[in-house]
Amino acid sequence: MMLFAVVLAVGWLCANLWQRGAGKSVIVRSKGIVVSELSLQRNRSVTIAGPLGKTTVEVNGQRARIARDPSPKQYCVRQGWLKAAGDVALCLPNQVSIEIAGANPYVDSINY
């Protein structure tokens, strides 16, 4: 009986406390400065200049991604689509980043 109660409590905690909210907008930064904030409600593409060249940010279907970037290893492009509040993609060599803004962002140990 006690084991059932613990399993039920953990299930409730997972469902209610560790959920991330839906994204409302994408914040685009270049060299740490906010250069654009785009609504996730409107599909579009923007190009941001960085030290290595141009980075293309795409918004489509209430999600965002870095579609193209001149960085050598393409980690930020491989990050793929971001849609939940707190999701981030960083193109460190080109000094461009995107972050999904919204209610209930994901909190991890870095935020503490």
Foldseek 3Di string as FASTA:
>chain_A
DVVVVVVVVVVVCVVPPQDFAWFQWKFKDALRHTPDIGGLVDWDKDWDAFPQGIWIWTRDDQWIATCDDPQDPCQRRVVDIGTTAQDKGAPVVRRMIMGGHDPRHGDDPVND
